[in-house]
Amino acid sequence: MNEAAVALAYKHCEMITRSRARNFYYGIRLLPPRKRSAMCALYAMARRIDDVGDGIAGPPAPGSPDQAAKLQDHDKLASLEAVRASLSLLSGASSGLPVAAVPPGDPVLIALADASREFPLPLDALQELVEGCEWDIAGRGYATFDELVEYCRRVAGSVGRLSLSIYGSSDPAAAVPLADSLGIALQLTNILRDLLEDRDVMGRVYIPAEDLDRFGVSPELEGKPDDLMALICFETGRASSFYEQGLALLPLLDSRSRACTAAMAGIYQRLLDKIRLDPQSVLRGRVHLSAGQKATVAAMALARNVA
């Protein structure tokens, strides 16, 4: 694979990241060029896996609604198997397989294969992400918070560990579990932000059954308003504890990686603060920050971490 083709592949991944990672890109763009490109390749693959799980990839299935749902799930699982096969190619590339062995029509694979030759990406973490999407397709619920944390570890902690392999660290043994915890914090924030969309569009409720029972809320997220608000506030506290753990990662990173991570985490912490201060907001729609607010968080992260 010539350098021009690889450069175009990275550009394609950056376009995906800029357009689809509305929160993450504010941090990613603070990285130096090679790390920024590798992170965009990583994000593009994670986005591909997540899109399969959400049913975005592929045309709608024909037939009645029930038949379509079954066919869609079958197609999703088949697509995830195809992703698994492509990840095997990436493992070969990271072990010395020429990038030319990766299908030339897939810029995401080309870019990630090239990145995996430069950075020690733990590619098995991408397999964990695939497994988490399979849990979504199966409609898996979570009886306990510990079970939910295992899901978050697969779909977000895995990305944290992959990102850490690009950043580098002064103490890898200490940094890996911290990156995992920060990923869990981000995913818990996502779950709270997307409560209505996940329930109404995806048919998913991630809040653990033990917490629903504790606050007298139904599995469909129905209950007395005060009980719902108490439940949401309780979950924001759990997410906050994971931020507290995960942000201990920052001193172990170089200045640019620290700024990137602080910006991404800062944006999600602002989202969590908005939810904590106004729990009803998640029942009105998706909570978000303005572009100006995100840019401010990123600028503060850069000023505080890069001399």
Protein backbone atom coordinates (compact mmCIF):
# COMPACT_ATOMS: atom_id res chain seq x y z
CA MET A 1 0.00 0.00 0.00
CA ASN A 2 1.62 3.29 -1.05
CA GLU A 3 1.92 6.29 1.24
CA ALA A 4 -0.66 8.30 -0.68
CA ALA A 5 -3.31 5.62 -0.18
CA VAL A 6 -2.54 5.41 3.53
CA ALA A 7 -2.72 9.20 3.83
CA LEU A 8 -6.12 9.21 2.11
CA ALA A 9 -7.30 6.48 4.49
CA TYR A 10 -6.34 8.57 7.49
CA LYS A 11 -8.09 11.59 5.99
CA HIS A 12 -11.25 9.50 5.59
CA CYS A 13 -11.08 8.47 9.26
CA GLU A 14 -10.58 12.06 10.34
CA MET A 15 -13.68 13.09 8.37
CA ILE A 16 -15.70 10.40 10.18
CA THR A 17 -14.36 11.56 13.53
CA ARG A 18 -15.02 15.24 12.87
CA SER A 19 -18.59 14.56 11.76
CA ARG A 20 -19.59 11.80 14.17
CA ALA A 21 -17.51 12.39 17.32
CA ARG A 22 -19.02 15.71 18.32
CA ASN A 23 -17.57 15.49 21.82
CA PHE A 24 -14.39 13.47 21.36
CA TYR A 25 -12.93 15.46 18.49
CA TYR A 26 -12.49 18.54 20.66
CA GLY A 27 -9.90 16.54 22.59
CA ILE A 28 -8.46 14.49 19.74
CA ARG A 29 -7.47 17.59 17.79
CA LEU A 30 -5.17 18.64 20.67
CA LEU A 31 -2.87 15.67 19.97
CA PRO A 32 0.25 15.86 17.77
CA PRO A 33 -0.34 14.73 14.15
CA ARG A 34 0.63 11.04 14.35
CA LYS A 35 -1.30 10.39 17.54
CA ARG A 36 -4.25 12.39 16.22
CA SER A 37 -4.36 10.31 13.03
CA ALA A 38 -4.13 7.05 14.97
CA MET A 39 -6.94 8.13 17.31
CA CYS A 40 -9.14 9.01 14.33
CA ALA A 41 -8.51 5.56 12.82
CA LEU A 42 -9.39 3.97 16.17
CA TYR A 43 -12.54 6.06 16.50
CA ALA A 44 -13.66 5.23 12.95
CA MET A 45 -13.45 1.50 13.69
CA ALA A 46 -15.25 1.89 17.03
CA ARG A 47 -17.92 3.94 15.25
CA ARG A 48 -18.32 1.18 12.65
CA ILE A 49 -18.87 -1.45 15.35
CA ASP A 50 -21.29 0.76 17.26
CA ASP A 51 -23.27 1.56 14.10
CA VAL A 52 -23.71 -2.14 13.38
CA GLY A 53 -25.05 -2.66 16.89
CA ASP A 54 -27.47 0.24 16.46
CA GLY A 55 -28.66 -1.05 13.09
CA ILE A 56 -27.42 1.97 11.14
CA ALA A 57 -25.36 -0.06 8.67
CA GLY A 58 -27.22 -1.82 5.85
CA PRO A 59 -30.68 -1.41 4.30
CA PRO A 60 -33.87 -2.09 6.29
CA ALA A 61 -35.02 -5.69 6.16
CA PRO A 62 -38.19 -6.53 4.19
CA GLY A 63 -41.34 -8.13 5.60
CA SER A 64 -43.55 -7.49 8.60
CA PRO A 65 -42.23 -5.52 11.58
CA ASP A 66 -41.57 -8.69 13.61
CA GLN A 67 -39.88 -10.41 10.68
CA ALA A 68 -37.87 -7.30 9.93
CA ALA A 69 -36.64 -7.10 13.52
CA LYS A 70 -35.45 -10.70 13.44
CA LEU A 71 -33.81 -10.29 10.06
CA GLN A 72 -32.16 -7.07 11.17
CA ASP A 73 -30.68 -8.77 14.23
CA HIS A 74 -29.45 -11.64 12.07
CA ASP A 75 -27.85 -9.15 9.70
CA LYS A 76 -26.29 -7.24 12.56
CA LEU A 77 -24.71 -10.39 13.98
CA ALA A 78 -23.45 -11.35 10.51
CA SER A 79 -21.94 -7.88 10.12
CA LEU A 80 -20.22 -8.18 13.48
CA GLU A 81 -18.74 -11.50 12.37
CA ALA A 82 -17.38 -9.69 9.32
CA VAL A 83 -15.85 -7.10 11.63
CA ARG A 84 -14.24 -9.91 13.64
CA ALA A 85 -12.70 -11.27 10.45
CA SER A 86 -11.34 -7.82 9.59
CA LEU A 87 -9.84 -7.51 13.07
CA SER A 88 -7.93 -10.73 12.41
CA LEU A 89 -6.34 -8.95 9.46
CA LEU A 90 -5.40 -6.09 11.75
CA SER A 91 -3.74 -8.51 14.15
CA GLY A 92 -1.69 -9.79 11.25
CA ALA A 93 -0.71 -6.25 10.26
CA SER A 94 0.44 -5.43 13.78
CA SER A 95 2.56 -8.61 13.70
CA GLY A 96 4.27 -7.62 10.48
CA LEU A 97 1.68 -8.46 7.82
CA PRO A 98 2.02 -5.88 5.03
CA VAL A 99 -0.66 -3.20 5.03
CA ALA A 100 -1.18 -4.18 1.40
CA ALA A 101 -2.81 -7.38 2.68
CA VAL A 102 -5.69 -5.32 4.06
CA PRO A 103 -8.56 -4.91 1.54
CA PRO A 104 -7.75 -1.80 -0.54
CA GLY A 105 -11.36 -0.62 -0.57
CA ASP A 106 -11.60 -0.19 3.19
CA PRO A 107 -9.89 3.03 4.34
CA VAL A 108 -10.74 2.42 8.01
CA LEU A 109 -8.91 -0.90 8.00
CA ILE A 110 -6.01 0.55 6.04
CA ALA A 111 -5.55 3.41 8.51
CA LEU A 112 -5.95 1.25 11.61
CA ALA A 113 -3.58 -1.38 10.23
CA ASP A 114 -0.97 1.31 9.67
CA ALA A 115 -1.55 2.73 13.17
CA SER A 116 -1.23 -0.72 14.72
CA ARG A 117 2.25 -1.07 13.24
CA GLU A 118 3.36 2.13 15.00
CA PHE A 119 1.46 1.88 18.28
CA PRO A 120 1.01 -1.22 20.51
CA LEU A 121 -2.77 -1.36 20.11
CA PRO A 122 -4.37 -4.12 22.24
CA LEU A 123 -6.56 -5.31 19.38
CA ASP A 124 -8.35 -7.82 21.60
CA ALA A 125 -10.03 -4.77 23.16
CA LEU A 126 -11.84 -4.23 19.85
CA GLN A 127 -13.16 -7.77 20.17
CA GLU A 128 -14.58 -6.77 23.57
CA LEU A 129 -16.36 -3.88 21.88
CA VAL A 130 -17.88 -6.30 19.37
CA GLU A 131 -19.04 -8.50 22.24
CA GLY A 132 -20.70 -5.55 23.95
CA CYS A 133 -22.61 -4.80 20.75
CA GLU A 134 -23.74 -8.42 20.63
CA TRP A 135 -25.14 -7.96 24.13
CA ASP A 136 -27.11 -4.97 22.84
CA ILE A 137 -28.49 -6.96 19.91
CA ALA A 138 -29.55 -9.74 22.27
CA GLY A 139 -31.45 -7.18 24.36
CA ARG A 140 -29.45 -8.06 27.43
CA GLY A 141 -30.57 -6.40 30.64
CA TYR A 142 -28.55 -5.83 33.80
CA ALA A 143 -29.73 -7.06 37.17
CA THR A 144 -26.94 -5.39 39.15
CA PHE A 145 -24.66 -2.40 38.81
CA ASP A 146 -21.65 -4.72 38.64
CA GLU A 147 -23.16 -6.35 35.54
CA LEU A 148 -23.66 -2.92 33.96
CA VAL A 149 -20.05 -2.02 34.72
CA GLU A 150 -18.95 -5.16 32.83
CA TYR A 151 -20.92 -3.95 29.81
CA CYS A 152 -19.41 -0.46 30.10
CA ARG A 153 -15.95 -1.98 30.37
CA ARG A 154 -16.49 -3.75 27.05
CA VAL A 155 -17.95 -0.89 25.04
CA ALA A 156 -16.02 2.04 26.54
CA GLY A 157 -13.28 0.83 28.87
CA SER A 158 -11.91 -1.04 25.85
CA VAL A 159 -11.66 2.24 23.93
CA GLY A 160 -9.93 3.82 26.92
CA ARG A 161 -7.29 1.09 26.93
CA LEU A 162 -6.82 1.40 23.16
CA SER A 163 -6.46 5.17 23.45
CA LEU A 164 -3.86 4.74 26.20
CA SER A 165 -1.74 2.60 23.86
CA ILE A 166 -1.59 5.60 21.53
CA TYR A 167 -0.97 8.18 24.24
CA GLY A 168 1.75 6.24 26.06
CA SER A 169 2.23 6.48 29.83
CA SER A 170 4.93 6.88 32.44
CA ASP A 171 3.46 3.93 34.39
CA PRO A 172 1.53 1.54 32.10
CA ALA A 173 0.63 -0.92 34.87
CA ALA A 174 -1.08 1.83 36.86
CA ALA A 175 -2.51 3.60 33.82
CA VAL A 176 -4.46 0.72 32.25
CA PRO A 177 -7.10 0.30 35.01
CA LEU A 178 -7.42 4.09 35.26
CA ALA A 179 -8.12 4.37 31.52
CA ASP A 180 -10.67 1.60 31.95
CA SER A 181 -12.40 3.50 34.77
CA LEU A 182 -12.49 6.72 32.76
CA GLY A 183 -14.10 4.88 29.84
CA ILE A 184 -16.74 3.48 32.22
CA ALA A 185 -17.45 7.01 33.51
CA LEU A 186 -17.99 8.28 29.96
CA GLN A 187 -20.32 5.38 29.13
CA LEU A 188 -22.39 5.86 32.29
CA THR A 189 -22.79 9.50 31.27
CA ASN A 190 -23.90 8.39 27.81
CA ILE A 191 -26.47 6.05 29.34
CA LEU A 192 -28.00 8.86 31.39
CA ARG A 193 -27.90 11.32 28.49
CA ASP A 194 -29.61 8.88 26.13
CA LEU A 195 -32.25 7.40 28.46
CA LEU A 196 -35.21 8.30 26.24
CA GLU A 197 -33.56 7.52 22.91
CA ASP A 198 -32.30 4.15 24.12
CA ARG A 199 -35.73 3.22 25.47
CA ASP A 200 -37.95 4.58 22.69
CA VAL A 201 -35.78 4.03 19.60
CA MET A 202 -33.49 1.16 20.53
CA GLY A 203 -35.76 -0.62 23.01
CA ARG A 204 -32.99 -0.68 25.61
CA VAL A 205 -32.92 0.25 29.29
CA TYR A 206 -29.48 0.04 30.84
CA ILE A 207 -30.31 1.10 34.40
CA PRO A 208 -29.79 -1.99 36.62
CA ALA A 209 -32.92 -3.75 37.87
CA GLU A 210 -31.71 -3.47 41.47
CA ASP A 211 -31.63 0.32 41.15
CA LEU A 212 -35.05 0.48 39.49
CA ASP A 213 -36.46 -1.58 42.34
CA ARG A 214 -34.73 0.55 44.96
CA PHE A 215 -36.43 3.70 43.70
CA GLY A 216 -39.76 2.18 42.71
CA VAL A 217 -39.30 2.76 38.98
CA SER A 218 -40.57 0.28 36.38
CA PRO A 219 -38.36 -1.44 33.79
CA GLU A 220 -39.94 0.96 31.27
CA LEU A 221 -38.63 3.92 33.32
CA GLU A 222 -42.09 4.80 34.57
CA GLY A 223 -42.74 5.93 38.11
CA LYS A 224 -43.48 8.90 40.31
CA PRO A 225 -41.56 12.00 39.17
CA ASP A 226 -39.74 12.34 42.49
CA ASP A 227 -38.67 8.69 42.34
CA LEU A 228 -37.36 9.09 38.79
CA MET A 229 -35.40 12.19 39.75
CA ALA A 230 -33.92 10.43 42.77
CA LEU A 231 -32.89 7.48 40.58
CA ILE A 232 -31.19 9.72 38.02
CA CYS A 233 -29.33 11.66 40.72
CA PHE A 234 -28.21 8.39 42.29
CA GLU A 235 -26.77 7.23 38.96
CA THR A 236 -24.96 10.55 38.42
CA GLY A 237 -23.21 9.94 41.73
CA ARG A 238 -22.05 6.53 40.55
CA ALA A 239 -20.69 8.03 37.35
CA SER A 240 -18.90 10.76 39.31
CA SER A 241 -17.06 8.16 41.37
CA PHE A 242 -15.65 6.62 38.20
CA TYR A 243 -14.51 10.06 36.97
CA GLU A 244 -12.71 10.54 40.27
CA GLN A 245 -10.91 7.22 39.77
CA GLY A 246 -10.21 7.64 36.08
CA LEU A 247 -8.88 11.20 36.17
CA ALA A 248 -5.96 9.95 38.29
CA LEU A 249 -4.67 8.90 34.85
CA LEU A 250 -3.82 12.49 33.84
CA PRO A 251 -0.47 12.83 35.68
CA LEU A 252 0.75 9.65 33.96
CA LEU A 253 0.37 11.12 30.45
CA ASP A 254 2.48 13.51 28.41
CA SER A 255 1.18 17.08 28.14
CA ARG A 256 -0.69 16.75 24.82
CA SER A 257 -2.27 13.42 25.72
CA ARG A 258 -3.18 14.86 29.11
CA ALA A 259 -4.86 17.85 27.44
CA CYS A 260 -6.75 15.57 25.04
CA THR A 261 -8.02 13.35 27.85
CA ALA A 262 -8.87 16.29 30.09
CA ALA A 263 -10.87 17.91 27.28
CA MET A 264 -12.89 14.78 26.48
CA ALA A 265 -13.53 13.98 30.14
CA GLY A 266 -14.30 17.63 30.89
CA ILE A 267 -17.00 17.80 28.24
CA TYR A 268 -18.67 14.68 29.57
CA GLN A 269 -18.37 15.91 33.15
CA ARG A 270 -20.15 19.10 32.12
CA LEU A 271 -22.91 16.95 30.65
CA LEU A 272 -23.14 14.97 33.87
CA ASP A 273 -23.29 18.19 35.91
CA LYS A 274 -26.17 19.44 33.76
CA ILE A 275 -28.05 16.20 34.37
CA ARG A 276 -27.34 16.28 38.11
CA LEU A 277 -28.58 19.88 38.42
CA ASP A 278 -31.68 19.22 36.29
CA PRO A 279 -32.52 15.49 36.35
CA GLN A 280 -35.74 16.06 34.41
CA SER A 281 -33.69 17.23 31.42
CA VAL A 282 -32.96 13.64 30.34
CA LEU A 283 -36.71 12.98 30.21
CA ARG A 284 -37.22 15.89 27.83
CA GLY A 285 -34.59 14.86 25.29
CA ARG A 286 -30.85 14.47 24.81
CA VAL A 287 -28.78 16.77 26.99
CA HIS A 288 -25.96 18.51 25.15
CA LEU A 289 -23.41 21.30 25.33
CA SER A 290 -23.13 24.03 22.75
CA ALA A 291 -20.16 24.14 20.41
CA GLY A 292 -18.92 27.19 22.30
CA GLN A 293 -19.09 25.38 25.64
CA LYS A 294 -17.16 22.42 24.26
CA ALA A 295 -14.52 24.69 22.74
CA THR A 296 -14.13 26.46 26.08
CA VAL A 297 -13.56 23.17 27.90
CA ALA A 298 -10.96 22.14 25.28
CA ALA A 299 -9.18 25.50 25.47
CA MET A 300 -9.02 25.29 29.27
CA ALA A 301 -7.64 21.74 29.07
CA LEU A 302 -4.94 22.90 26.64
CA ALA A 303 -4.00 25.91 28.77
CA ARG A 304 -3.76 23.89 31.97
CA ASN A 305 -1.78 20.97 30.57
CA VAL A 306 0.47 22.35 27.85
CA ALA A 307 3.04 24.97 28.84
